mmCIF file of all heavy atoms, coordinates in Angstrom:
data_MODEL
# 
_entry.id   MODEL 
# 
loop_
_atom_site.group_PDB 
_atom_site.id 
_atom_site.type_symbol 
_atom_site.label_atom_id 
_atom_site.label_alt_id 
_atom_site.label_comp_id 
_atom_site.label_asym_id 
_atom_site.label_entity_id 
_atom_site.label_seq_id 
_atom_site.pdbx_PDB_ins_code 
_atom_site.Cartn_x 
_atom_site.Cartn_y 
_atom_site.Cartn_z 
_atom_site.occupancy 
_atom_site.B_iso_or_equiv 
_atom_site.pdbx_formal_charge 
_atom_site.auth_seq_id 
_atom_site.auth_comp_id 
_atom_site.auth_asym_id 
_atom_site.auth_atom_id 
_atom_site.pdbx_PDB_model_num 
ATOM 1   N N   . ARG A 1 1  ? 73.433 106.415 131.989 1.00 0.00 ? 1  ARG A N   1 
ATOM 2   C CA  . ARG A 1 1  ? 74.035 107.196 130.909 1.00 0.00 ? 1  ARG A CA  1 
ATOM 3   C C   . ARG A 1 1  ? 75.509 107.500 131.206 1.00 0.00 ? 1  ARG A C   1 
ATOM 4   O O   . ARG A 1 1  ? 76.365 107.427 130.306 1.00 0.00 ? 1  ARG A O   1 
ATOM 5   C CB  . ARG A 1 1  ? 73.260 108.521 130.712 1.00 0.00 ? 1  ARG A CB  1 
ATOM 6   C CG  . ARG A 1 1  ? 73.871 109.438 129.660 1.00 0.00 ? 1  ARG A CG  1 
ATOM 7   C CD  . ARG A 1 1  ? 73.891 108.802 128.287 1.00 0.00 ? 1  ARG A CD  1 
ATOM 8   N NE  . ARG A 1 1  ? 74.485 109.671 127.270 1.00 0.00 ? 1  ARG A NE  1 
ATOM 9   C CZ  . ARG A 1 1  ? 75.795 109.789 127.032 1.00 0.00 ? 1  ARG A CZ  1 
ATOM 10  N NH1 . ARG A 1 1  ? 76.655 109.076 127.744 1.00 0.00 ? 1  ARG A NH1 1 
ATOM 11  N NH2 . ARG A 1 1  ? 76.228 110.597 126.094 1.00 0.00 ? 1  ARG A NH2 1 
ATOM 12  N N   . LEU A 1 2  ? 75.815 107.804 132.454 1.00 0.00 ? 2  LEU A N   1 
ATOM 13  C CA  . LEU A 1 2  ? 77.211 108.069 132.821 1.00 0.00 ? 2  LEU A CA  1 
ATOM 14  C C   . LEU A 1 2  ? 78.059 106.801 132.700 1.00 0.00 ? 2  LEU A C   1 
ATOM 15  O O   . LEU A 1 2  ? 79.238 106.877 132.348 1.00 0.00 ? 2  LEU A O   1 
ATOM 16  C CB  . LEU A 1 2  ? 77.276 108.622 134.237 1.00 0.00 ? 2  LEU A CB  1 
ATOM 17  C CG  . LEU A 1 2  ? 76.825 110.072 134.397 1.00 0.00 ? 2  LEU A CG  1 
ATOM 18  C CD1 . LEU A 1 2  ? 76.696 110.433 135.873 1.00 0.00 ? 2  LEU A CD1 1 
ATOM 19  C CD2 . LEU A 1 2  ? 77.790 111.030 133.701 1.00 0.00 ? 2  LEU A CD2 1 
ATOM 20  N N   . GLU A 1 3  ? 77.440 105.663 132.973 1.00 0.00 ? 3  GLU A N   1 
ATOM 21  C CA  . GLU A 1 3  ? 78.183 104.397 132.841 1.00 0.00 ? 3  GLU A CA  1 
ATOM 22  C C   . GLU A 1 3  ? 78.600 104.150 131.396 1.00 0.00 ? 3  GLU A C   1 
ATOM 23  O O   . GLU A 1 3  ? 79.657 103.566 131.130 1.00 0.00 ? 3  GLU A O   1 
ATOM 24  C CB  . GLU A 1 3  ? 77.320 103.245 133.354 1.00 0.00 ? 3  GLU A CB  1 
ATOM 25  C CG  . GLU A 1 3  ? 78.049 101.919 133.416 1.00 0.00 ? 3  GLU A CG  1 
ATOM 26  C CD  . GLU A 1 3  ? 77.182 100.807 133.987 1.00 0.00 ? 3  GLU A CD  1 
ATOM 27  O OE1 . GLU A 1 3  ? 76.065 101.097 134.437 1.00 0.00 ? 3  GLU A OE1 1 
ATOM 28  O OE2 . GLU A 1 3  ? 77.645 99.649  133.970 1.00 0.00 ? 3  GLU A OE2 1 
ATOM 29  N N   . ARG A 1 4  ? 77.794 104.634 130.454 1.00 0.00 ? 4  ARG A N   1 
ATOM 30  C CA  . ARG A 1 4  ? 78.117 104.466 129.029 1.00 0.00 ? 4  ARG A CA  1 
ATOM 31  C C   . ARG A 1 4  ? 79.038 105.561 128.517 1.00 0.00 ? 4  ARG A C   1 
ATOM 32  O O   . ARG A 1 4  ? 79.481 105.513 127.371 1.00 0.00 ? 4  ARG A O   1 
ATOM 33  C CB  . ARG A 1 4  ? 76.831 104.477 128.187 1.00 0.00 ? 4  ARG A CB  1 
ATOM 34  C CG  . ARG A 1 4  ? 75.829 103.402 128.531 1.00 0.00 ? 4  ARG A CG  1 
ATOM 35  C CD  . ARG A 1 4  ? 74.741 103.288 127.463 1.00 0.00 ? 4  ARG A CD  1 
ATOM 36  N NE  . ARG A 1 4  ? 74.019 104.543 127.264 1.00 0.00 ? 4  ARG A NE  1 
ATOM 37  C CZ  . ARG A 1 4  ? 72.936 104.917 127.937 1.00 0.00 ? 4  ARG A CZ  1 
ATOM 38  N NH1 . ARG A 1 4  ? 72.459 104.122 128.896 1.00 0.00 ? 4  ARG A NH1 1 
ATOM 39  N NH2 . ARG A 1 4  ? 72.340 106.071 127.680 1.00 0.00 ? 4  ARG A NH2 1 
ATOM 40  N N   . SER A 1 5  ? 79.321 106.542 129.350 1.00 0.00 ? 5  SER A N   1 
ATOM 41  C CA  . SER A 1 5  ? 80.085 107.699 128.910 1.00 0.00 ? 5  SER A CA  1 
ATOM 42  C C   . SER A 1 5  ? 81.591 107.445 128.914 1.00 0.00 ? 5  SER A C   1 
ATOM 43  O O   . SER A 1 5  ? 82.091 106.582 129.657 1.00 0.00 ? 5  SER A O   1 
ATOM 44  C CB  . SER A 1 5  ? 79.761 108.900 129.810 1.00 0.00 ? 5  SER A CB  1 
ATOM 45  O OG  . SER A 1 5  ? 80.565 110.001 129.501 1.00 0.00 ? 5  SER A OG  1 
ATOM 46  N N   . SER A 1 6  ? 82.299 108.228 128.141 1.00 0.00 ? 6  SER A N   1 
ATOM 47  C CA  . SER A 1 6  ? 83.768 108.187 128.147 1.00 0.00 ? 6  SER A CA  1 
ATOM 48  C C   . SER A 1 6  ? 84.335 108.953 129.340 1.00 0.00 ? 6  SER A C   1 
ATOM 49  O O   . SER A 1 6  ? 85.530 108.876 129.630 1.00 0.00 ? 6  SER A O   1 
ATOM 50  C CB  . SER A 1 6  ? 84.301 108.795 126.852 1.00 0.00 ? 6  SER A CB  1 
ATOM 51  O OG  . SER A 1 6  ? 83.853 110.132 126.697 1.00 0.00 ? 6  SER A OG  1 
ATOM 52  N N   . ILE A 1 7  ? 83.491 109.698 130.039 1.00 0.00 ? 7  ILE A N   1 
ATOM 53  C CA  . ILE A 1 7  ? 83.911 110.481 131.193 1.00 0.00 ? 7  ILE A CA  1 
ATOM 54  C C   . ILE A 1 7  ? 83.961 109.586 132.428 1.00 0.00 ? 7  ILE A C   1 
ATOM 55  O O   . ILE A 1 7  ? 83.030 108.805 132.673 1.00 0.00 ? 7  ILE A O   1 
ATOM 56  C CB  . ILE A 1 7  ? 82.921 111.643 131.452 1.00 0.00 ? 7  ILE A CB  1 
ATOM 57  C CG1 . ILE A 1 7  ? 82.817 112.537 130.225 1.00 0.00 ? 7  ILE A CG1 1 
ATOM 58  C CG2 . ILE A 1 7  ? 83.355 112.457 132.681 1.00 0.00 ? 7  ILE A CG2 1 
ATOM 59  C CD1 . ILE A 1 7  ? 81.713 113.581 130.326 1.00 0.00 ? 7  ILE A CD1 1 
ATOM 60  N N   . ALA A 1 8  ? 85.017 109.699 133.222 1.00 0.00 ? 8  ALA A N   1 
ATOM 61  C CA  . ALA A 1 8  ? 85.090 108.975 134.497 1.00 0.00 ? 8  ALA A CA  1 
ATOM 62  C C   . ALA A 1 8  ? 84.053 109.577 135.449 1.00 0.00 ? 8  ALA A C   1 
ATOM 63  O O   . ALA A 1 8  ? 84.023 110.788 135.655 1.00 0.00 ? 8  ALA A O   1 
ATOM 64  C CB  . ALA A 1 8  ? 86.487 109.104 135.098 1.00 0.00 ? 8  ALA A CB  1 
ATOM 65  N N   . ALA A 1 9  ? 83.198 108.721 136.001 1.00 0.00 ? 9  ALA A N   1 
ATOM 66  C CA  . ALA A 1 9  ? 82.100 109.218 136.826 1.00 0.00 ? 9  ALA A CA  1 
ATOM 67  C C   . ALA A 1 9  ? 82.191 108.707 138.257 1.00 0.00 ? 9  ALA A C   1 
ATOM 68  O O   . ALA A 1 9  ? 82.602 107.571 138.505 1.00 0.00 ? 9  ALA A O   1 
ATOM 69  C CB  . ALA A 1 9  ? 80.761 108.798 136.225 1.00 0.00 ? 9  ALA A CB  1 
ATOM 70  N N   . THR A 1 10 ? 81.788 109.574 139.177 1.00 0.00 ? 10 THR A N   1 
ATOM 71  C CA  . THR A 1 10 ? 81.649 109.208 140.588 1.00 0.00 ? 10 THR A CA  1 
ATOM 72  C C   . THR A 1 10 ? 80.194 109.447 140.976 1.00 0.00 ? 10 THR A C   1 
ATOM 73  O O   . THR A 1 10 ? 79.703 110.571 140.835 1.00 0.00 ? 10 THR A O   1 
ATOM 74  C CB  . THR A 1 10 ? 82.566 110.054 141.503 1.00 0.00 ? 10 THR A CB  1 
ATOM 75  O OG1 . THR A 1 10 ? 83.915 109.949 141.054 1.00 0.00 ? 10 THR A OG1 1 
ATOM 76  C CG2 . THR A 1 10 ? 82.445 109.580 142.944 1.00 0.00 ? 10 THR A CG2 1 
ATOM 77  N N   . ILE A 1 11 ? 79.512 108.416 141.433 1.00 0.00 ? 11 ILE A N   1 
ATOM 78  C CA  . ILE A 1 11 ? 78.116 108.516 141.841 1.00 0.00 ? 11 ILE A CA  1 
ATOM 79  C C   . ILE A 1 11 ? 78.056 108.541 143.364 1.00 0.00 ? 11 ILE A C   1 
ATOM 80  O O   . ILE A 1 11 ? 78.549 107.621 144.024 1.00 0.00 ? 11 ILE A O   1 
ATOM 81  C CB  . ILE A 1 11 ? 77.293 107.329 141.305 1.00 0.00 ? 11 ILE A CB  1 
ATOM 82  C CG1 . ILE A 1 11 ? 77.481 107.153 139.789 1.00 0.00 ? 11 ILE A CG1 1 
ATOM 83  C CG2 . ILE A 1 11 ? 75.821 107.496 141.682 1.00 0.00 ? 11 ILE A CG2 1 
ATOM 84  C CD1 . ILE A 1 11 ? 77.023 108.315 138.966 1.00 0.00 ? 11 ILE A CD1 1 
ATOM 85  N N   . VAL A 1 12 ? 77.463 109.582 143.918 1.00 0.00 ? 12 VAL A N   1 
ATOM 86  C CA  . VAL A 1 12 ? 77.321 109.699 145.369 1.00 0.00 ? 12 VAL A CA  1 
ATOM 87  C C   . VAL A 1 12 ? 75.843 109.497 145.729 1.00 0.00 ? 12 VAL A C   1 
ATOM 88  O O   . VAL A 1 12 ? 75.017 110.356 145.473 1.00 0.00 ? 12 VAL A O   1 
ATOM 89  C CB  . VAL A 1 12 ? 77.815 111.061 145.871 1.00 0.00 ? 12 VAL A CB  1 
ATOM 90  C CG1 . VAL A 1 12 ? 77.624 111.179 147.385 1.00 0.00 ? 12 VAL A CG1 1 
ATOM 91  C CG2 . VAL A 1 12 ? 79.285 111.286 145.513 1.00 0.00 ? 12 VAL A CG2 1 
ATOM 92  N N   . ARG A 1 13 ? 75.542 108.327 146.301 1.00 0.00 ? 13 ARG A N   1 
ATOM 93  C CA  . ARG A 1 13 ? 74.153 108.001 146.677 1.00 0.00 ? 13 ARG A CA  1 
ATOM 94  C C   . ARG A 1 13 ? 73.937 108.301 148.152 1.00 0.00 ? 13 ARG A C   1 
ATOM 95  O O   . ARG A 1 13 ? 74.622 107.751 149.008 1.00 0.00 ? 13 ARG A O   1 
ATOM 96  C CB  . ARG A 1 13 ? 73.873 106.519 146.430 1.00 0.00 ? 13 ARG A CB  1 
ATOM 97  C CG  . ARG A 1 13 ? 73.840 106.136 144.951 1.00 0.00 ? 13 ARG A CG  1 
ATOM 98  C CD  . ARG A 1 13 ? 73.641 104.630 144.833 1.00 0.00 ? 13 ARG A CD  1 
ATOM 99  N NE  . ARG A 1 13 ? 73.525 104.187 143.457 1.00 0.00 ? 13 ARG A NE  1 
ATOM 100 C CZ  . ARG A 1 13 ? 73.586 102.907 143.069 1.00 0.00 ? 13 ARG A CZ  1 
ATOM 101 N NH1 . ARG A 1 13 ? 73.763 101.950 143.984 1.00 0.00 ? 13 ARG A NH1 1 
ATOM 102 N NH2 . ARG A 1 13 ? 73.467 102.575 141.805 1.00 0.00 ? 13 ARG A NH2 1 
ATOM 103 N N   . ASN A 1 14 ? 72.980 109.169 148.439 1.00 0.00 ? 14 ASN A N   1 
ATOM 104 C CA  . ASN A 1 14 ? 72.722 109.512 149.837 1.00 0.00 ? 14 ASN A CA  1 
ATOM 105 C C   . ASN A 1 14 ? 71.312 109.162 150.260 1.00 0.00 ? 14 ASN A C   1 
ATOM 106 O O   . ASN A 1 14 ? 70.385 109.214 149.446 1.00 0.00 ? 14 ASN A O   1 
ATOM 107 C CB  . ASN A 1 14 ? 72.980 110.992 150.074 1.00 0.00 ? 14 ASN A CB  1 
ATOM 108 C CG  . ASN A 1 14 ? 72.077 111.893 149.261 1.00 0.00 ? 14 ASN A CG  1 
ATOM 109 O OD1 . ASN A 1 14 ? 72.422 112.335 148.187 1.00 0.00 ? 14 ASN A OD1 1 
ATOM 110 N ND2 . ASN A 1 14 ? 70.898 112.186 149.793 1.00 0.00 ? 14 ASN A ND2 1 
ATOM 111 N N   . PRO A 1 15 ? 71.106 108.812 151.544 1.00 0.00 ? 15 PRO A N   1 
ATOM 112 C CA  . PRO A 1 15 ? 69.763 108.572 152.063 1.00 0.00 ? 15 PRO A CA  1 
ATOM 113 C C   . PRO A 1 15 ? 69.084 109.881 152.445 1.00 0.00 ? 15 PRO A C   1 
ATOM 114 O O   . PRO A 1 15 ? 69.447 110.946 151.929 1.00 0.00 ? 15 PRO A O   1 
ATOM 115 C CB  . PRO A 1 15 ? 70.042 107.690 153.304 1.00 0.00 ? 15 PRO A CB  1 
ATOM 116 C CG  . PRO A 1 15 ? 71.373 108.192 153.775 1.00 0.00 ? 15 PRO A CG  1 
ATOM 117 C CD  . PRO A 1 15 ? 72.139 108.577 152.539 1.00 0.00 ? 15 PRO A CD  1 
ATOM 118 N N   . ALA A 1 16 ? 68.126 109.843 153.373 1.00 0.00 ? 16 ALA A N   1 
ATOM 119 C CA  . ALA A 1 16 ? 67.315 111.007 153.725 1.00 0.00 ? 16 ALA A CA  1 
ATOM 120 C C   . ALA A 1 16 ? 68.154 112.136 154.348 1.00 0.00 ? 16 ALA A C   1 
ATOM 121 O O   . ALA A 1 16 ? 68.967 111.892 155.242 1.00 0.00 ? 16 ALA A O   1 
ATOM 122 C CB  . ALA A 1 16 ? 66.219 110.589 154.697 1.00 0.00 ? 16 ALA A CB  1 
ATOM 123 N N   . PHE A 1 17 ? 67.930 113.367 153.868 1.00 0.00 ? 17 PHE A N   1 
ATOM 124 C CA  . PHE A 1 17 ? 68.578 114.538 154.460 1.00 0.00 ? 17 PHE A CA  1 
ATOM 125 C C   . PHE A 1 17 ? 67.900 114.874 155.794 1.00 0.00 ? 17 PHE A C   1 
ATOM 126 O O   . PHE A 1 17 ? 66.681 115.089 155.843 1.00 0.00 ? 17 PHE A O   1 
ATOM 127 C CB  . PHE A 1 17 ? 68.454 115.769 153.553 1.00 0.00 ? 17 PHE A CB  1 
ATOM 128 C CG  . PHE A 1 17 ? 69.313 115.737 152.336 1.00 0.00 ? 17 PHE A CG  1 
ATOM 129 C CD1 . PHE A 1 17 ? 68.790 116.082 151.104 1.00 0.00 ? 17 PHE A CD1 1 
ATOM 130 C CD2 . PHE A 1 17 ? 70.647 115.381 152.423 1.00 0.00 ? 17 PHE A CD2 1 
ATOM 131 C CE1 . PHE A 1 17 ? 69.590 116.079 149.965 1.00 0.00 ? 17 PHE A CE1 1 
ATOM 132 C CE2 . PHE A 1 17 ? 71.462 115.362 151.293 1.00 0.00 ? 17 PHE A CE2 1 
ATOM 133 C CZ  . PHE A 1 17 ? 70.924 115.717 150.056 1.00 0.00 ? 17 PHE A CZ  1 
ATOM 134 N N   . MET A 1 18 ? 68.676 114.968 156.855 1.00 0.00 ? 18 MET A N   1 
ATOM 135 C CA  . MET A 1 18 ? 68.086 115.391 158.135 1.00 0.00 ? 18 MET A CA  1 
ATOM 136 C C   . MET A 1 18 ? 67.551 116.800 158.034 1.00 0.00 ? 18 MET A C   1 
ATOM 137 O O   . MET A 1 18 ? 66.547 117.153 158.681 1.00 0.00 ? 18 MET A O   1 
ATOM 138 C CB  . MET A 1 18 ? 69.112 115.260 159.256 1.00 0.00 ? 18 MET A CB  1 
ATOM 139 C CG  . MET A 1 18 ? 70.375 116.059 159.087 1.00 0.00 ? 18 MET A CG  1 
ATOM 140 S SD  . MET A 1 18 ? 71.554 115.824 160.478 1.00 0.00 ? 18 MET A SD  1 
ATOM 141 C CE  . MET A 1 18 ? 72.098 114.136 160.241 1.00 0.00 ? 18 MET A CE  1 
ATOM 142 N N   . ASP A 1 19 ? 68.171 117.654 157.191 1.00 0.00 ? 19 ASP A N   1 
ATOM 143 C CA  . ASP A 1 19 ? 67.725 119.035 157.005 1.00 0.00 ? 19 ASP A CA  1 
ATOM 144 C C   . ASP A 1 19 ? 66.284 119.111 156.517 1.00 0.00 ? 19 ASP A C   1 
ATOM 145 O O   . ASP A 1 19 ? 65.534 120.029 156.876 1.00 0.00 ? 19 ASP A O   1 
ATOM 146 C CB  . ASP A 1 19 ? 68.591 119.754 155.964 1.00 0.00 ? 19 ASP A CB  1 
ATOM 147 C CG  . ASP A 1 19 ? 70.061 119.438 156.033 1.00 0.00 ? 19 ASP A CG  1 
ATOM 148 O OD1 . ASP A 1 19 ? 70.395 118.244 156.143 1.00 0.00 ? 19 ASP A OD1 1 
ATOM 149 O OD2 . ASP A 1 19 ? 70.876 120.358 155.940 1.00 0.00 ? 19 ASP A OD2 1 
ATOM 150 N N   . VAL A 1 20 ? 65.894 118.142 155.707 1.00 0.00 ? 20 VAL A N   1 
ATOM 151 C CA  . VAL A 1 20 ? 64.559 118.134 155.102 1.00 0.00 ? 20 VAL A CA  1 
ATOM 152 C C   . VAL A 1 20 ? 63.577 117.348 155.964 1.00 0.00 ? 20 VAL A C   1 
ATOM 153 O O   . VAL A 1 20 ? 62.466 117.816 156.242 1.00 0.00 ? 20 VAL A O   1 
ATOM 154 C CB  . VAL A 1 20 ? 64.600 117.541 153.685 1.00 0.00 ? 20 VAL A CB  1 
ATOM 155 C CG1 . VAL A 1 20 ? 63.193 117.399 153.109 1.00 0.00 ? 20 VAL A CG1 1 
ATOM 156 C CG2 . VAL A 1 20 ? 65.458 118.421 152.781 1.00 0.00 ? 20 VAL A CG2 1 
ATOM 157 N N   . TRP A 1 21 ? 63.970 116.173 156.427 1.00 0.00 ? 21 TRP A N   1 
ATOM 158 C CA  . TRP A 1 21 ? 63.008 115.286 157.051 1.00 0.00 ? 21 TRP A CA  1 
ATOM 159 C C   . TRP A 1 21 ? 62.597 115.702 158.452 1.00 0.00 ? 21 TRP A C   1 
ATOM 160 O O   . TRP A 1 21 ? 61.513 115.350 158.908 1.00 0.00 ? 21 TRP A O   1 
ATOM 161 C CB  . TRP A 1 21 ? 63.510 113.845 157.006 1.00 0.00 ? 21 TRP A CB  1 
ATOM 162 C CG  . TRP A 1 21 ? 63.374 113.336 155.617 1.00 0.00 ? 21 TRP A CG  1 
ATOM 163 C CD1 . TRP A 1 21 ? 64.339 113.283 154.653 1.00 0.00 ? 21 TRP A CD1 1 
ATOM 164 C CD2 . TRP A 1 21 ? 62.172 112.903 154.973 1.00 0.00 ? 21 TRP A CD2 1 
ATOM 165 N NE1 . TRP A 1 21 ? 63.818 112.831 153.465 1.00 0.00 ? 21 TRP A NE1 1 
ATOM 166 C CE2 . TRP A 1 21 ? 62.490 112.592 153.624 1.00 0.00 ? 21 TRP A CE2 1 
ATOM 167 C CE3 . TRP A 1 21 ? 60.852 112.744 155.408 1.00 0.00 ? 21 TRP A CE3 1 
ATOM 168 C CZ2 . TRP A 1 21 ? 61.547 112.125 152.735 1.00 0.00 ? 21 TRP A CZ2 1 
ATOM 169 C CZ3 . TRP A 1 21 ? 59.918 112.277 154.511 1.00 0.00 ? 21 TRP A CZ3 1 
ATOM 170 C CH2 . TRP A 1 21 ? 60.254 111.965 153.192 1.00 0.00 ? 21 TRP A CH2 1 
ATOM 171 N N   . MET A 1 22 ? 63.407 116.476 159.140 1.00 0.00 ? 22 MET A N   1 
ATOM 172 C CA  . MET A 1 22 ? 62.953 116.990 160.434 1.00 0.00 ? 22 MET A CA  1 
ATOM 173 C C   . MET A 1 22 ? 61.772 117.947 160.221 1.00 0.00 ? 22 MET A C   1 
ATOM 174 O O   . MET A 1 22 ? 60.807 117.946 160.978 1.00 0.00 ? 22 MET A O   1 
ATOM 175 C CB  . MET A 1 22 ? 64.090 117.705 161.155 1.00 0.00 ? 22 MET A CB  1 
ATOM 176 C CG  . MET A 1 22 ? 65.242 116.799 161.576 1.00 0.00 ? 22 MET A CG  1 
ATOM 177 S SD  . MET A 1 22 ? 64.736 115.340 162.530 1.00 0.00 ? 22 MET A SD  1 
ATOM 178 C CE  . MET A 1 22 ? 64.808 114.048 161.263 1.00 0.00 ? 22 MET A CE  1 
ATOM 179 N N   . VAL A 1 23 ? 61.848 118.759 159.170 1.00 0.00 ? 23 VAL A N   1 
ATOM 180 C CA  . VAL A 1 23 ? 60.759 119.688 158.862 1.00 0.00 ? 23 VAL A CA  1 
ATOM 181 C C   . VAL A 1 23 ? 59.540 118.926 158.359 1.00 0.00 ? 23 VAL A C   1 
ATOM 182 O O   . VAL A 1 23 ? 58.404 119.188 158.759 1.00 0.00 ? 23 VAL A O   1 
ATOM 183 C CB  . VAL A 1 23 ? 61.218 120.735 157.827 1.00 0.00 ? 23 VAL A CB  1 
ATOM 184 C CG1 . VAL A 1 23 ? 60.066 121.664 157.459 1.00 0.00 ? 23 VAL A CG1 1 
ATOM 185 C CG2 . VAL A 1 23 ? 62.392 121.547 158.384 1.00 0.00 ? 23 VAL A CG2 1 
ATOM 186 N N   . MET A 1 24 ? 59.748 117.956 157.487 1.00 0.00 ? 24 MET A N   1 
ATOM 187 C CA  . MET A 1 24 ? 58.648 117.144 156.976 1.00 0.00 ? 24 MET A CA  1 
ATOM 188 C C   . MET A 1 24 ? 57.935 116.392 158.096 1.00 0.00 ? 24 MET A C   1 
ATOM 189 O O   . MET A 1 24 ? 56.732 116.147 158.019 1.00 0.00 ? 24 MET A O   1 
ATOM 190 C CB  . MET A 1 24 ? 59.174 116.143 155.937 1.00 0.00 ? 24 MET A CB  1 
ATOM 191 C CG  . MET A 1 24 ? 59.736 116.751 154.673 1.00 0.00 ? 24 MET A CG  1 
ATOM 192 S SD  . MET A 1 24 ? 58.460 117.373 153.564 1.00 0.00 ? 24 MET A SD  1 
ATOM 193 C CE  . MET A 1 24 ? 57.800 115.828 152.900 1.00 0.00 ? 24 MET A CE  1 
ATOM 194 N N   . ALA A 1 25 ? 58.683 116.041 159.148 1.00 0.00 ? 25 ALA A N   1 
ATOM 195 C CA  . ALA A 1 25 ? 58.118 115.282 160.255 1.00 0.00 ? 25 ALA A CA  1 
ATOM 196 C C   . ALA A 1 25 ? 57.325 116.152 161.228 1.00 0.00 ? 25 ALA A C   1 
ATOM 197 O O   . ALA A 1 25 ? 56.632 115.632 162.102 1.00 0.00 ? 25 ALA A O   1 
ATOM 198 C CB  . ALA A 1 25 ? 59.219 114.548 160.997 1.00 0.00 ? 25 ALA A CB  1 
ATOM 199 N N   . GLY A 1 26 ? 57.455 117.483 161.094 1.00 0.00 ? 26 GLY A N   1 
ATOM 200 C CA  . GLY A 1 26 ? 56.672 118.370 161.964 1.00 0.00 ? 26 GLY A CA  1 
ATOM 201 C C   . GLY A 1 26 ? 57.467 119.298 162.833 1.00 0.00 ? 26 GLY A C   1 
ATOM 202 O O   . GLY A 1 26 ? 56.921 119.877 163.776 1.00 0.00 ? 26 GLY A O   1 
ATOM 203 N N   . ALA A 1 27 ? 58.763 119.455 162.546 1.00 0.00 ? 27 ALA A N   1 
ATOM 204 C CA  . ALA A 1 27 ? 59.604 120.312 163.371 1.00 0.00 ? 27 ALA A CA  1 
ATOM 205 C C   . ALA A 1 27 ? 60.170 121.463 162.517 1.00 0.00 ? 27 ALA A C   1 
ATOM 206 O O   . ALA A 1 27 ? 61.337 121.447 162.126 1.00 0.00 ? 27 ALA A O   1 
ATOM 207 C CB  . ALA A 1 27 ? 60.749 119.522 164.006 1.00 0.00 ? 27 ALA A CB  1 
ATOM 208 N N   . MET A 1 28 ? 59.337 122.456 162.254 1.00 0.00 ? 28 MET A N   1 
ATOM 209 C CA  . MET A 1 28 ? 59.796 123.615 161.480 1.00 0.00 ? 28 MET A CA  1 
ATOM 210 C C   . MET A 1 28 ? 60.929 124.351 162.197 1.00 0.00 ? 28 MET A C   1 
ATOM 211 O O   . MET A 1 28 ? 61.739 125.023 161.575 1.00 0.00 ? 28 MET A O   1 
ATOM 212 C CB  . MET A 1 28 ? 58.640 124.575 161.231 1.00 0.00 ? 28 MET A CB  1 
ATOM 213 C CG  . MET A 1 28 ? 57.655 124.134 160.165 1.00 0.00 ? 28 MET A CG  1 
ATOM 214 S SD  . MET A 1 28 ? 56.413 125.401 159.808 1.00 0.00 ? 28 MET A SD  1 
ATOM 215 C CE  . MET A 1 28 ? 57.428 126.695 159.096 1.00 0.00 ? 28 MET A CE  1 
# 
């Protein structure tokens, strides 16, 4: 949708957050 927009867009694609996945892996 942003690609079709008249607004200039910047897409920031990120992989796994270390903040989340350390907890998900068992390290609260």
